[in-house]
């Protein structure tokens, strides 16, 4: 009798192990065959493109996104700023309708001068010139004022048009050491060492004394 019970017990145990083995195998197969979910793309993620006018082959430095990201100005403020820039350019206020120019200049106006600087914490004259030309004309200028002088096509003062470059030799230097962007009516925008980004007049005695020439880096229409 005891022998019969032992045989029955062994049979039950054998069948239980076989069942467990099959069950475990199914779970393992299910786990292996379960597809892995693809990583979710974060909201708002994007590929950052090179800044406008970048030229990796020549290594010409260009303004960063921070530099060229000009904030929009509310319409009611734009109306008031038309008077400000009409006065600075000495033109009738009703002709001061270039809102893109107003927004750009208002964003930079008064930014302090910083040698080698290229952002709102400080910028130098050649840095401002290349920022201006990149933003408005999609033109990549070399980094220094003397390089910009040799890069631009020489023109006479009487040929000056909006977007041309004006150059100066300051502090008894033989080479060009300062640059600005011509606007209109004898006015030009630049980053001065004393007042930062401002609009000045070519006919002021100081700039007449140090004027070194002008050049064109964009096609003339």
N, C-alpha and C. Protein backbone atom coordinates (compact mmCIF):
# COMPACT_ATOMS: atom_id res chain seq x y z
N UNK A 1 0.84 -1.21 0.00
CA UNK A 1 0.00 0.00 0.00
C UNK A 1 0.87 1.26 0.00
N UNK A 2 1.87 1.23 0.86
CA UNK A 2 2.78 2.39 0.94
C UNK A 2 3.50 2.61 -0.40
N UNK A 3 3.83 1.49 -1.08
CA UNK A 3 4.50 1.59 -2.36
C UNK A 3 3.62 2.21 -3.41
N UNK A 4 2.31 1.89 -3.35
CA UNK A 4 1.35 2.45 -4.31
C UNK A 4 1.19 3.95 -4.11
N UNK A 5 1.11 4.37 -2.82
CA UNK A 5 0.98 5.81 -2.51
C UNK A 5 2.20 6.59 -2.99
N UNK A 6 3.40 5.96 -2.84
CA UNK A 6 4.62 6.63 -3.25
C UNK A 6 4.65 6.85 -4.77
N UNK A 7 4.16 5.82 -5.52
CA UNK A 7 4.13 5.93 -6.98
C UNK A 7 3.18 7.04 -7.42
N UNK A 8 1.98 7.13 -6.74
CA UNK A 8 0.99 8.18 -7.08
C UNK A 8 1.57 9.56 -6.80
N UNK A 9 2.26 9.71 -5.64
CA UNK A 9 2.84 11.01 -5.25
C UNK A 9 3.89 11.46 -6.26
N UNK A 10 4.74 10.51 -6.68
CA UNK A 10 5.77 10.86 -7.65
C UNK A 10 5.18 11.28 -8.99
N UNK A 11 4.08 10.64 -9.39
CA UNK A 11 3.41 10.99 -10.65
C UNK A 11 2.84 12.40 -10.61
N UNK A 12 2.24 12.74 -9.46
CA UNK A 12 1.66 14.09 -9.30
C UNK A 12 2.73 15.16 -9.36
N UNK A 13 3.86 14.89 -8.65
CA UNK A 13 4.95 15.87 -8.64
C UNK A 13 5.54 16.07 -10.04
N UNK A 14 5.67 14.99 -10.78
CA UNK A 14 6.22 15.08 -12.14
C UNK A 14 5.34 15.90 -13.04
N UNK A 15 4.06 15.70 -12.96
CA UNK A 15 3.12 16.46 -13.79
C UNK A 15 3.09 17.93 -13.41
N UNK A 16 3.26 18.26 -12.11
CA UNK A 16 3.27 19.65 -11.64
C UNK A 16 4.48 20.39 -12.17
N UNK A 17 5.63 19.74 -12.11
CA UNK A 17 6.86 20.37 -12.61
C UNK A 17 6.76 20.64 -14.11
N UNK A 18 6.17 19.68 -14.84
CA UNK A 18 6.00 19.85 -16.28
C UNK A 18 5.10 21.03 -16.59
N UNK A 19 4.04 21.22 -15.81
CA UNK A 19 3.11 22.33 -16.01
C UNK A 19 3.78 23.67 -15.75
N UNK A 20 4.55 23.70 -14.60
CA UNK A 20 5.24 24.93 -14.24
C UNK A 20 6.28 25.32 -15.30
N UNK A 21 6.96 24.33 -15.83
CA UNK A 21 7.98 24.59 -16.83
C UNK A 21 7.39 25.19 -18.09
N UNK A 22 6.21 24.63 -18.51
CA UNK A 22 5.55 25.15 -19.70
C UNK A 22 5.06 26.57 -19.49
N UNK A 23 4.51 26.83 -18.30
CA UNK A 23 3.99 28.16 -17.99
C UNK A 23 5.10 29.19 -17.98
N UNK A 24 6.21 28.86 -17.33
CA UNK A 24 7.35 29.77 -17.28
C UNK A 24 7.90 30.06 -18.66
N UNK A 25 7.93 29.05 -19.50
CA UNK A 25 8.41 29.22 -20.87
C UNK A 25 7.54 30.15 -21.66
N UNK A 26 6.21 30.07 -21.47
CA UNK A 26 5.29 30.97 -22.17
C UNK A 26 5.48 32.41 -21.72
N UNK A 27 5.66 32.61 -20.41
CA UNK A 27 5.86 33.97 -19.89
C UNK A 27 7.15 34.57 -20.43
N UNK A 28 8.20 33.75 -20.50
CA UNK A 28 9.48 34.24 -21.00
C UNK A 28 9.39 34.63 -22.46
N UNK A 29 8.71 33.79 -23.24
CA UNK A 29 8.54 34.09 -24.66
C UNK A 29 7.74 35.35 -24.86
N UNK A 30 6.70 35.51 -24.02
CA UNK A 30 5.88 36.72 -24.13
C UNK A 30 6.69 37.95 -23.81
N UNK A 31 7.53 37.83 -22.77
CA UNK A 31 8.35 38.99 -22.38
C UNK A 31 9.34 39.36 -23.47
N UNK A 32 9.91 38.36 -24.13
CA UNK A 32 10.90 38.63 -25.17
C UNK A 32 10.26 39.21 -26.41
N UNK A 33 9.06 38.70 -26.77
CA UNK A 33 8.42 39.13 -27.99
C UNK A 33 7.66 40.44 -27.86
N UNK A 34 7.52 40.95 -26.63
CA UNK A 34 6.78 42.19 -26.42
C UNK A 34 7.54 43.36 -27.05
N UNK A 35 6.91 44.11 -27.96
CA UNK A 35 7.63 45.21 -28.63
C UNK A 35 8.00 46.31 -27.67
N UNK A 36 9.17 46.89 -27.87
CA UNK A 36 9.64 48.00 -27.03
C UNK A 36 9.12 49.31 -27.62
N UNK A 37 8.46 50.10 -26.79
CA UNK A 37 7.87 51.35 -27.27
C UNK A 37 8.97 52.32 -27.67
N UNK A 38 8.77 53.00 -28.80
CA UNK A 38 9.75 53.99 -29.27
C UNK A 38 9.75 55.18 -28.34
N UNK A 39 10.90 55.79 -28.09
CA UNK A 39 10.94 56.95 -27.20
C UNK A 39 10.08 58.08 -27.74
N UNK A 40 9.35 58.71 -26.82
CA UNK A 40 8.47 59.80 -27.22
C UNK A 40 9.27 61.05 -27.52
N UNK A 41 8.89 61.78 -28.56
CA UNK A 41 9.55 63.03 -28.92
C UNK A 41 9.05 64.12 -28.00
N UNK A 42 9.96 64.82 -27.39
CA UNK A 42 9.56 65.88 -26.47
C UNK A 42 8.84 66.99 -27.21
N UNK A 43 7.82 67.51 -26.55
CA UNK A 43 7.04 68.59 -27.16
C UNK A 43 7.92 69.79 -27.42
N UNK A 44 7.80 70.33 -28.62
CA UNK A 44 8.54 71.55 -28.97
C UNK A 44 9.97 71.30 -29.37
N UNK A 45 10.40 70.03 -29.41
CA UNK A 45 11.79 69.77 -29.78
C UNK A 45 11.99 70.05 -31.26
N UNK A 46 13.17 70.55 -31.62
CA UNK A 46 13.45 70.87 -33.02
C UNK A 46 14.95 70.82 -33.26
N UNK A 47 15.29 70.74 -34.51
CA UNK A 47 16.70 70.76 -34.89
C UNK A 47 17.12 72.21 -35.05
N UNK A 48 18.16 72.58 -34.39
CA UNK A 48 18.63 73.96 -34.47
C UNK A 48 19.45 74.13 -35.73
N UNK A 49 19.02 75.02 -36.59
CA UNK A 49 19.74 75.28 -37.84
C UNK A 49 20.85 76.29 -37.59
N UNK A 50 21.87 76.31 -38.44
CA UNK A 50 22.93 77.31 -38.29
C UNK A 50 22.37 78.71 -38.45
N UNK A 51 23.01 79.69 -37.83
CA UNK A 51 22.51 81.06 -37.97
C UNK A 51 22.54 81.52 -39.42
N UNK A 52 21.71 82.46 -39.72
CA UNK A 52 21.62 82.97 -41.09
C UNK A 52 22.98 83.46 -41.56
N UNK A 53 23.36 83.05 -42.77
CA UNK A 53 24.62 83.52 -43.35
C UNK A 53 25.84 82.81 -42.83
N UNK A 54 25.66 81.72 -42.06
CA UNK A 54 26.85 81.04 -41.53
C UNK A 54 27.63 80.39 -42.66
N UNK A 55 28.93 80.31 -42.49
CA UNK A 55 29.78 79.74 -43.52
C UNK A 55 30.88 78.94 -42.83
N UNK A 56 30.58 77.66 -42.60
CA UNK A 56 31.52 76.81 -41.86
C UNK A 56 32.82 76.63 -42.62
N UNK A 57 32.77 76.71 -43.95
CA UNK A 57 33.97 76.47 -44.75
C UNK A 57 35.00 77.57 -44.58
N UNK A 58 34.55 78.79 -44.36
CA UNK A 58 35.49 79.90 -44.23
C UNK A 58 35.73 80.29 -42.78
N UNK A 59 34.88 79.78 -41.87
CA UNK A 59 35.04 80.10 -40.47
C UNK A 59 34.66 81.52 -40.12
N UNK A 60 33.86 82.17 -40.95
CA UNK A 60 33.44 83.54 -40.66
C UNK A 60 32.48 83.53 -39.47
N UNK A 61 32.77 84.23 -38.39
CA UNK A 61 31.87 84.23 -37.25
C UNK A 61 30.59 84.96 -37.59
N UNK A 62 29.50 84.51 -37.01
CA UNK A 62 28.20 85.09 -37.28
C UNK A 62 27.44 85.33 -35.99
N UNK A 63 26.44 86.20 -36.01
CA UNK A 63 25.65 86.44 -34.82
C UNK A 63 24.95 85.17 -34.37
N UNK A 64 24.80 85.00 -33.07
CA UNK A 64 24.07 83.85 -32.55
C UNK A 64 22.58 84.11 -32.65
N UNK A 65 21.79 83.07 -32.33
CA UNK A 65 20.34 83.23 -32.36
C UNK A 65 19.91 84.34 -31.40
N UNK A 66 20.60 84.43 -30.25
CA UNK A 66 20.25 85.46 -29.28
C UNK A 66 20.39 86.85 -29.89
N UNK A 67 21.45 87.02 -30.68
CA UNK A 67 21.72 88.33 -31.27
C UNK A 67 20.66 88.71 -32.29
N UNK A 68 20.28 87.78 -33.16
CA UNK A 68 19.35 88.08 -34.24
C UNK A 68 17.90 87.93 -33.85
N UNK A 69 17.61 87.48 -32.64
CA UNK A 69 16.24 87.32 -32.18
C UNK A 69 15.72 88.67 -31.69
N UNK A 70 15.09 89.41 -32.58
CA UNK A 70 14.62 90.76 -32.25
C UNK A 70 13.19 90.70 -31.73
N UNK A 71 12.92 91.16 -30.50
CA UNK A 71 11.56 91.10 -29.96
C UNK A 71 10.61 92.05 -30.68
N UNK A 72 9.37 91.64 -30.78
CA UNK A 72 8.35 92.48 -31.39
C UNK A 72 7.94 93.59 -30.43
N UNK A 73 7.54 94.71 -30.98
CA UNK A 73 7.11 95.86 -30.17
C UNK A 73 5.63 96.10 -30.43
N UNK A 74 4.91 96.37 -29.35
CA UNK A 74 3.47 96.60 -29.46
C UNK A 74 3.18 97.78 -30.38
N UNK A 75 2.09 97.72 -31.16
CA UNK A 75 1.77 98.79 -32.13
C UNK A 75 1.74 100.18 -31.51
N UNK A 76 1.18 100.29 -30.30
CA UNK A 76 1.10 101.62 -29.68
C UNK A 76 2.48 102.18 -29.35
N UNK A 77 3.44 101.29 -29.02
CA UNK A 77 4.81 101.73 -28.75
C UNK A 77 5.53 102.09 -30.05
N UNK A 78 5.24 101.34 -31.09
CA UNK A 78 5.86 101.63 -32.39
C UNK A 78 5.52 103.04 -32.85
N UNK A 79 4.29 103.46 -32.60
CA UNK A 79 3.86 104.81 -33.00
C UNK A 79 4.72 105.87 -32.32
N UNK A 80 4.99 105.67 -31.02
CA UNK A 80 5.83 106.63 -30.29
C UNK A 80 7.28 106.57 -30.77
N UNK A 81 7.74 105.37 -31.07
CA UNK A 81 9.13 105.22 -31.51
C UNK A 81 9.37 105.78 -32.90
N UNK A 82 8.32 105.89 -33.69
CA UNK A 82 8.47 106.53 -35.01
C UNK A 82 8.99 107.95 -34.85
N UNK A 83 8.51 108.67 -33.83
CA UNK A 83 8.97 110.03 -33.57
C UNK A 83 10.43 110.03 -33.16
N UNK A 84 10.80 109.08 -32.27
CA UNK A 84 12.19 109.00 -31.79
C UNK A 84 13.17 108.83 -32.95
N UNK A 85 12.89 107.87 -33.83
CA UNK A 85 13.84 107.58 -34.90
C UNK A 85 13.72 108.56 -36.07
N UNK A 86 12.57 109.18 -36.21
CA UNK A 86 12.45 110.25 -37.20
C UNK A 86 13.34 111.43 -36.81
N UNK A 87 13.39 111.71 -35.51
CA UNK A 87 14.24 112.80 -35.01
C UNK A 87 15.72 112.43 -35.16
N UNK A 88 16.06 111.18 -34.78
CA UNK A 88 17.46 110.74 -34.88
C UNK A 88 17.97 110.74 -36.31
N UNK A 89 17.07 110.42 -37.27
CA UNK A 89 17.47 110.39 -38.68
C UNK A 89 17.19 111.71 -39.39
N UNK A 90 16.56 112.64 -38.67
CA UNK A 90 16.24 113.96 -39.22
C UNK A 90 15.41 113.84 -40.50
N UNK A 91 14.35 113.03 -40.39
CA UNK A 91 13.43 112.83 -41.53
C UNK A 91 12.00 113.07 -41.05
N UNK A 92 11.05 113.34 -41.94
CA UNK A 92 9.65 113.54 -41.53
C UNK A 92 9.10 112.28 -40.87
N UNK A 93 8.36 112.45 -39.78
CA UNK A 93 7.86 111.30 -39.02
C UNK A 93 6.96 110.41 -39.87
N UNK A 94 6.23 111.00 -40.83
CA UNK A 94 5.32 110.19 -41.65
C UNK A 94 6.07 109.25 -42.60
N UNK A 95 7.39 109.49 -42.77
CA UNK A 95 8.18 108.60 -43.63
C UNK A 95 8.89 107.51 -42.82
N UNK A 96 8.81 107.61 -41.49
CA UNK A 96 9.47 106.62 -40.63
C UNK A 96 8.53 105.43 -40.42
N UNK A 97 8.41 104.59 -41.45
CA UNK A 97 7.44 103.49 -41.45
C UNK A 97 8.10 102.11 -41.44
N UNK A 98 9.41 102.07 -41.36
CA UNK A 98 10.12 100.79 -41.36
C UNK A 98 10.13 100.21 -39.95
N UNK A 99 9.10 99.43 -39.63
CA UNK A 99 8.96 98.89 -38.28
C UNK A 99 10.04 97.86 -37.96
N UNK A 100 10.50 97.15 -38.96
CA UNK A 100 11.57 96.18 -38.74
C UNK A 100 12.83 96.89 -38.26
N UNK A 101 13.14 98.02 -38.89
CA UNK A 101 14.30 98.80 -38.48
C UNK A 101 14.12 99.33 -37.06
N UNK A 102 12.93 99.85 -36.76
CA UNK A 102 12.67 100.40 -35.43
C UNK A 102 12.85 99.32 -34.36
N UNK A 103 12.30 98.13 -34.61
CA UNK A 103 12.39 97.05 -33.63
C UNK A 103 13.85 96.63 -33.42
N UNK A 104 14.58 96.53 -34.50
CA UNK A 104 15.99 96.14 -34.39
C UNK A 104 16.78 97.19 -33.61
N UNK A 105 16.67 98.44 -34.02
CA UNK A 105 17.46 99.49 -33.38
C UNK A 105 17.06 99.70 -31.93
N UNK A 106 15.78 99.63 -31.65
CA UNK A 106 15.33 99.82 -30.27
C UNK A 106 15.84 98.69 -29.38
N UNK A 107 15.94 97.48 -29.96
CA UNK A 107 16.47 96.36 -29.18
C UNK A 107 17.96 96.49 -28.86
N UNK A 108 18.68 97.21 -29.73
CA UNK A 108 20.13 97.35 -29.55
C UNK A 108 20.56 98.71 -29.02
N UNK A 109 19.69 99.71 -29.19
CA UNK A 109 20.10 101.09 -28.87
C UNK A 109 20.56 101.20 -27.42
N UNK A 110 21.76 101.77 -27.24
CA UNK A 110 22.30 101.96 -25.89
C UNK A 110 23.07 100.77 -25.35
N UNK A 111 23.10 99.65 -26.08
CA UNK A 111 23.89 98.50 -25.64
C UNK A 111 25.35 98.93 -25.49
N UNK A 112 25.94 98.62 -24.36
CA UNK A 112 27.30 99.12 -24.08
C UNK A 112 28.34 98.51 -25.01
N UNK A 113 29.41 99.24 -25.20
CA UNK A 113 30.52 98.78 -26.02
C UNK A 113 31.35 97.78 -25.24
N UNK A 114 31.71 96.68 -25.91
CA UNK A 114 32.58 95.68 -25.31
C UNK A 114 33.45 95.08 -26.40
N UNK A 115 34.75 95.25 -26.27
CA UNK A 115 35.68 94.72 -27.26
C UNK A 115 35.51 93.20 -27.39
N UNK A 116 35.24 92.76 -28.62
CA UNK A 116 35.04 91.34 -28.85
C UNK A 116 33.63 90.86 -28.55
N UNK A 117 32.79 91.75 -28.03
CA UNK A 117 31.42 91.37 -27.67
C UNK A 117 30.53 91.17 -28.87
N UNK A 118 29.51 90.31 -28.71
CA UNK A 118 28.62 90.02 -29.82
C UNK A 118 27.20 89.73 -29.33
N UNK A 119 26.83 90.30 -28.18
CA UNK A 119 25.46 90.10 -27.70
C UNK A 119 25.02 91.31 -26.89
N UNK A 120 23.83 91.21 -26.27
CA UNK A 120 23.24 92.36 -25.60
C UNK A 120 23.98 92.77 -24.32
N UNK A 121 24.89 91.91 -23.86
CA UNK A 121 25.67 92.29 -22.69
C UNK A 121 26.82 93.21 -23.06
N UNK A 122 27.10 93.33 -24.36
CA UNK A 122 28.16 94.20 -24.84
C UNK A 122 28.57 93.80 -26.24
N UNK A 123 28.82 94.79 -27.09
CA UNK A 123 29.16 94.51 -28.48
C UNK A 123 30.14 95.57 -28.99
N UNK A 124 31.01 95.17 -29.91
CA UNK A 124 31.93 96.16 -30.48
C UNK A 124 31.43 96.60 -31.86
N UNK A 125 32.15 97.52 -32.48
CA UNK A 125 31.65 98.14 -33.72
C UNK A 125 31.52 97.14 -34.86
N UNK A 126 32.54 96.28 -35.04
CA UNK A 126 32.47 95.31 -36.13
C UNK A 126 31.44 94.23 -35.85
N UNK A 127 31.26 93.91 -34.56
CA UNK A 127 30.23 92.94 -34.19
C UNK A 127 28.83 93.47 -34.49
N UNK A 128 28.62 94.76 -34.23
CA UNK A 128 27.32 95.35 -34.55
C UNK A 128 27.09 95.40 -36.05
N UNK A 129 28.15 95.75 -36.79
CA UNK A 129 28.02 95.83 -38.26
C UNK A 129 27.66 94.48 -38.85
N UNK A 130 28.32 93.42 -38.42
CA UNK A 130 28.02 92.10 -38.99
C UNK A 130 26.65 91.61 -38.54
N UNK A 131 26.22 92.00 -37.33
CA UNK A 131 24.89 91.64 -36.87
C UNK A 131 23.83 92.34 -37.70
N UNK A 132 24.02 93.63 -37.94
CA UNK A 132 23.08 94.42 -38.73
C UNK A 132 22.98 93.86 -40.16
N UNK A 133 24.12 93.60 -40.77
CA UNK A 133 24.13 93.14 -42.16
C UNK A 133 23.56 91.74 -42.30
N UNK A 134 23.78 90.91 -41.30
CA UNK A 134 23.20 89.56 -41.34
C UNK A 134 21.69 89.62 -41.19
N UNK A 135 21.22 90.48 -40.29
CA UNK A 135 19.78 90.56 -40.01
C UNK A 135 19.00 91.15 -41.18
N UNK A 136 19.51 92.23 -41.76
CA UNK A 136 18.75 92.92 -42.80
C UNK A 136 19.06 92.44 -44.22
N UNK A 137 20.28 91.98 -44.46
CA UNK A 137 20.69 91.68 -45.83
C UNK A 137 21.18 90.25 -46.05
N UNK A 138 21.19 89.45 -44.98
CA UNK A 138 21.66 88.07 -45.09
C UNK A 138 23.10 88.02 -45.64
N UNK A 139 23.90 88.97 -45.20
CA UNK A 139 25.30 89.07 -45.64
C UNK A 139 26.21 88.71 -44.47
N UNK A 140 27.18 87.85 -44.70
CA UNK A 140 28.15 87.48 -43.67
C UNK A 140 29.41 88.32 -43.85
N UNK A 141 29.71 89.15 -42.87
CA UNK A 141 30.92 89.96 -42.90
C UNK A 141 32.02 89.30 -42.09
N UNK A 142 33.28 89.61 -42.41
CA UNK A 142 34.37 89.17 -41.54
C UNK A 142 34.21 89.81 -40.16
N UNK A 143 35.01 89.38 -39.20
CA UNK A 143 34.79 89.80 -37.81
C UNK A 143 35.34 91.18 -37.47
N UNK A 144 36.49 91.56 -38.01
CA UNK A 144 37.09 92.83 -37.59
C UNK A 144 36.78 93.96 -38.58
N UNK A 145 36.90 95.19 -38.11
CA UNK A 145 36.60 96.35 -38.95
C UNK A 145 37.56 96.46 -40.14
N UNK A 146 38.82 96.14 -39.92
CA UNK A 146 39.78 96.23 -41.02
C UNK A 146 39.51 95.14 -42.06
N UNK A 147 39.10 93.97 -41.62
CA UNK A 147 38.73 92.91 -42.56
C UNK A 147 37.48 93.29 -43.34
N UNK A 148 36.53 93.94 -42.66
CA UNK A 148 35.31 94.39 -43.33
C UNK A 148 35.63 95.47 -44.36
N UNK A 149 36.59 96.30 -44.05
CA UNK A 149 37.02 97.35 -44.97
C UNK A 149 37.54 96.74 -46.27
N UNK A 150 38.35 95.71 -46.18
CA UNK A 150 38.91 95.06 -47.36
C UNK A 150 37.89 94.15 -48.05
N UNK A 151 36.91 93.70 -47.31
CA UNK A 151 35.87 92.82 -47.86
C UNK A 151 34.89 93.60 -48.75
N UNK A 152 34.53 94.82 -48.32
CA UNK A 152 33.54 95.62 -49.05
C UNK A 152 34.13 96.23 -50.32
N UNK A 153 33.27 96.46 -51.29
CA UNK A 153 33.68 97.13 -52.53
C UNK A 153 33.76 98.64 -52.28
N UNK A 154 34.90 99.27 -52.51
CA UNK A 154 35.04 100.71 -52.24
C UNK A 154 34.07 101.54 -53.09
N UNK A 155 33.45 102.54 -52.46
CA UNK A 155 32.58 103.49 -53.16
C UNK A 155 32.90 104.89 -52.64
N UNK A 156 32.44 105.88 -53.36
CA UNK A 156 32.66 107.26 -52.92
C UNK A 156 31.58 107.65 -51.92
N UNK A 157 31.84 108.70 -51.19
CA UNK A 157 30.89 109.17 -50.18
C UNK A 157 29.58 109.60 -50.82
N UNK A 158 29.66 110.12 -52.04
CA UNK A 158 28.46 110.58 -52.74
C UNK A 158 27.58 109.41 -53.19
N UNK A 159 28.12 108.21 -53.19
CA UNK A 159 27.37 107.03 -53.62
C UNK A 159 26.68 106.30 -52.47
N UNK A 160 26.88 106.77 -51.27
CA UNK A 160 26.37 106.06 -50.09
C UNK A 160 24.86 105.82 -50.17
N UNK A 161 24.48 104.58 -49.87
CA UNK A 161 23.08 104.18 -49.78
C UNK A 161 22.89 103.38 -48.50
N UNK A 162 21.62 103.23 -48.10
CA UNK A 162 21.31 102.46 -46.90
C UNK A 162 21.92 101.06 -46.98
N UNK A 163 22.63 100.67 -45.91
CA UNK A 163 23.26 99.35 -45.87
C UNK A 163 24.73 99.36 -46.25
N UNK A 164 25.25 100.50 -46.71
CA UNK A 164 26.67 100.59 -47.00
C UNK A 164 27.45 100.74 -45.68
N UNK A 165 28.72 100.45 -45.75
CA UNK A 165 29.56 100.53 -44.55
C UNK A 165 30.43 101.79 -44.59
N UNK A 166 30.59 102.42 -43.44
CA UNK A 166 31.45 103.60 -43.34
C UNK A 166 32.57 103.29 -42.34
N UNK A 167 33.78 103.70 -42.70
CA UNK A 167 34.97 103.31 -41.93
C UNK A 167 35.73 104.53 -41.42
N UNK A 168 36.43 104.32 -40.29
CA UNK A 168 37.16 105.41 -39.66
C UNK A 168 38.50 104.91 -39.13
N UNK A 169 39.48 105.81 -39.13
CA UNK A 169 40.77 105.55 -38.50
C UNK A 169 40.83 106.40 -37.25
N UNK A 170 40.80 105.75 -36.11
CA UNK A 170 40.70 106.46 -34.84
C UNK A 170 41.94 106.15 -33.98
N UNK A 171 42.24 107.07 -33.08
CA UNK A 171 43.37 106.91 -32.14
C UNK A 171 44.70 106.77 -32.85
N UNK A 172 44.88 107.57 -33.91
CA UNK A 172 46.16 107.65 -34.63
C UNK A 172 46.60 106.32 -35.26
N UNK A 173 45.66 105.41 -35.45
CA UNK A 173 46.01 104.13 -36.08
C UNK A 173 46.09 104.31 -37.59
N UNK A 174 47.04 103.63 -38.19
CA UNK A 174 47.18 103.72 -39.64
C UNK A 174 46.11 102.90 -40.35
N UNK A 175 45.67 101.82 -39.70
CA UNK A 175 44.64 100.96 -40.28
C UNK A 175 43.26 101.38 -39.79
N UNK A 176 42.24 100.98 -40.53
CA UNK A 176 40.86 101.21 -40.12
C UNK A 176 40.63 100.55 -38.77
N UNK A 177 39.95 101.27 -37.87
CA UNK A 177 39.72 100.73 -36.54
C UNK A 177 38.28 100.89 -36.06
N UNK A 178 37.42 101.46 -36.92
CA UNK A 178 36.03 101.63 -36.53
C UNK A 178 35.14 101.54 -37.77
N UNK A 179 33.91 100.98 -37.58
CA UNK A 179 32.99 100.81 -38.69
C UNK A 179 31.56 101.07 -38.22
N UNK A 180 30.75 101.57 -39.16
CA UNK A 180 29.33 101.77 -38.90
C UNK A 180 28.54 101.42 -40.14
N UNK A 181 27.22 101.37 -40.01
CA UNK A 181 26.35 101.06 -41.15
C UNK A 181 25.57 102.32 -41.52
N UNK A 182 25.68 102.71 -42.77
CA UNK A 182 25.00 103.91 -43.24
C UNK A 182 23.49 103.68 -43.29
N UNK A 183 22.74 104.71 -42.86
CA UNK A 183 21.28 104.61 -42.84
C UNK A 183 20.67 105.51 -43.92
N UNK A 184 20.63 106.78 -43.66
CA UNK A 184 20.09 107.74 -44.63
C UNK A 184 20.40 109.15 -44.13
N UNK A 185 20.34 110.11 -45.05
CA UNK A 185 20.45 111.51 -44.64
C UNK A 185 21.72 111.81 -43.85
N UNK A 186 22.83 111.14 -44.21
CA UNK A 186 24.10 111.38 -43.53
C UNK A 186 24.24 110.68 -42.19
N UNK A 187 23.27 109.88 -41.79
CA UNK A 187 23.31 109.21 -40.49
C UNK A 187 23.81 107.77 -40.63
N UNK A 188 24.44 107.29 -39.57
CA UNK A 188 24.90 105.90 -39.56
C UNK A 188 24.74 105.32 -38.16
N UNK A 189 24.53 104.02 -38.10
CA UNK A 189 24.40 103.31 -36.83
C UNK A 189 25.72 102.60 -36.53
N UNK A 190 26.12 102.63 -35.27
CA UNK A 190 27.38 101.99 -34.89
C UNK A 190 27.44 101.79 -33.39
N UNK A 191 28.44 101.03 -32.95
CA UNK A 191 28.70 100.85 -31.53
C UNK A 191 29.92 101.69 -31.17
N UNK A 192 29.68 102.80 -30.51
CA UNK A 192 30.79 103.69 -30.14
C UNK A 192 31.36 103.27 -28.78
N UNK A 193 32.64 103.55 -28.58
CA UNK A 193 33.28 103.13 -27.34
C UNK A 193 32.73 103.90 -26.13
N UNK A 194 32.25 105.11 -26.35
CA UNK A 194 31.77 105.92 -25.23
C UNK A 194 30.28 105.78 -24.95
N UNK A 195 29.46 105.62 -25.99
CA UNK A 195 28.01 105.60 -25.78
C UNK A 195 27.33 104.29 -26.20
N UNK A 196 28.10 103.31 -26.63
CA UNK A 196 27.49 102.06 -27.06
C UNK A 196 26.81 102.22 -28.41
N UNK A 197 25.76 101.45 -28.64
CA UNK A 197 25.07 101.49 -29.93
C UNK A 197 24.24 102.77 -30.04
N UNK A 198 24.55 103.57 -31.05
CA UNK A 198 23.86 104.85 -31.26
C UNK A 198 23.75 105.13 -32.76
N UNK A 199 23.07 106.22 -33.06
CA UNK A 199 23.03 106.75 -34.43
C UNK A 199 23.75 108.09 -34.42
N UNK A 200 24.72 108.24 -35.32
CA UNK A 200 25.52 109.46 -35.39
C UNK A 200 25.45 110.07 -36.78
N UNK A 201 26.05 111.26 -36.93
CA UNK A 201 26.05 111.99 -38.20
C UNK A 201 27.46 112.04 -38.77
N UNK A 202 27.59 111.67 -40.03
CA UNK A 202 28.90 111.69 -40.68
C UNK A 202 29.52 113.08 -40.72
N UNK A 203 28.67 114.10 -40.64
CA UNK A 203 29.15 115.47 -40.74
C UNK A 203 29.59 116.06 -39.41
N UNK A 204 29.50 115.28 -38.34
CA UNK A 204 30.02 115.75 -37.06
C UNK A 204 31.55 115.89 -37.20
N UNK A 205 32.14 116.94 -36.64
CA UNK A 205 33.58 117.18 -36.80
C UNK A 205 34.46 115.97 -36.47
N UNK A 206 34.12 115.25 -35.43
CA UNK A 206 34.92 114.09 -35.01
C UNK A 206 34.97 113.04 -36.11
N UNK A 207 33.81 112.75 -36.70
CA UNK A 207 33.76 111.70 -37.74
C UNK A 207 34.31 112.20 -39.08
N UNK A 208 34.18 113.48 -39.33
CA UNK A 208 34.80 114.05 -40.52
C UNK A 208 36.32 113.94 -40.43
N UNK A 209 36.84 114.18 -39.23
CA UNK A 209 38.28 114.15 -39.02
C UNK A 209 38.86 112.74 -39.20
N UNK A 210 38.11 111.73 -38.78
CA UNK A 210 38.64 110.36 -38.77
C UNK A 210 38.08 109.49 -39.90
N UNK A 211 37.29 110.07 -40.78
CA UNK A 211 36.68 109.29 -41.86
C UNK A 211 37.77 108.67 -42.75
N UNK A 212 37.59 107.35 -43.06
CA UNK A 212 38.61 106.63 -43.84
C UNK A 212 38.07 106.08 -45.14
N UNK A 213 36.76 106.15 -45.36
CA UNK A 213 36.21 105.64 -46.60
C UNK A 213 34.92 104.86 -46.36
N UNK A 214 34.34 104.38 -47.43
CA UNK A 214 33.11 103.62 -47.34
C UNK A 214 33.09 102.50 -48.36
N UNK A 215 32.27 101.51 -48.11
CA UNK A 215 32.24 100.36 -49.01
C UNK A 215 30.87 99.73 -49.06
N UNK A 216 30.67 98.91 -50.06
CA UNK A 216 29.35 98.26 -50.28
C UNK A 216 29.53 96.74 -50.22
N UNK A 217 28.73 96.10 -49.37
CA UNK A 217 28.80 94.65 -49.23
C UNK A 217 27.55 93.97 -49.76
N UNK A 218 26.60 94.76 -50.27
CA UNK A 218 25.36 94.21 -50.85
C UNK A 218 25.19 94.76 -52.25
N UNK A 219 24.42 94.07 -53.06
CA UNK A 219 24.15 94.54 -54.42
C UNK A 219 23.31 95.81 -54.39
N UNK A 220 23.68 96.78 -55.17
CA UNK A 220 22.93 98.02 -55.26
C UNK A 220 21.83 97.90 -56.30
N UNK A 221 20.61 98.26 -55.92
CA UNK A 221 19.47 98.20 -56.86
C UNK A 221 19.43 99.44 -57.75
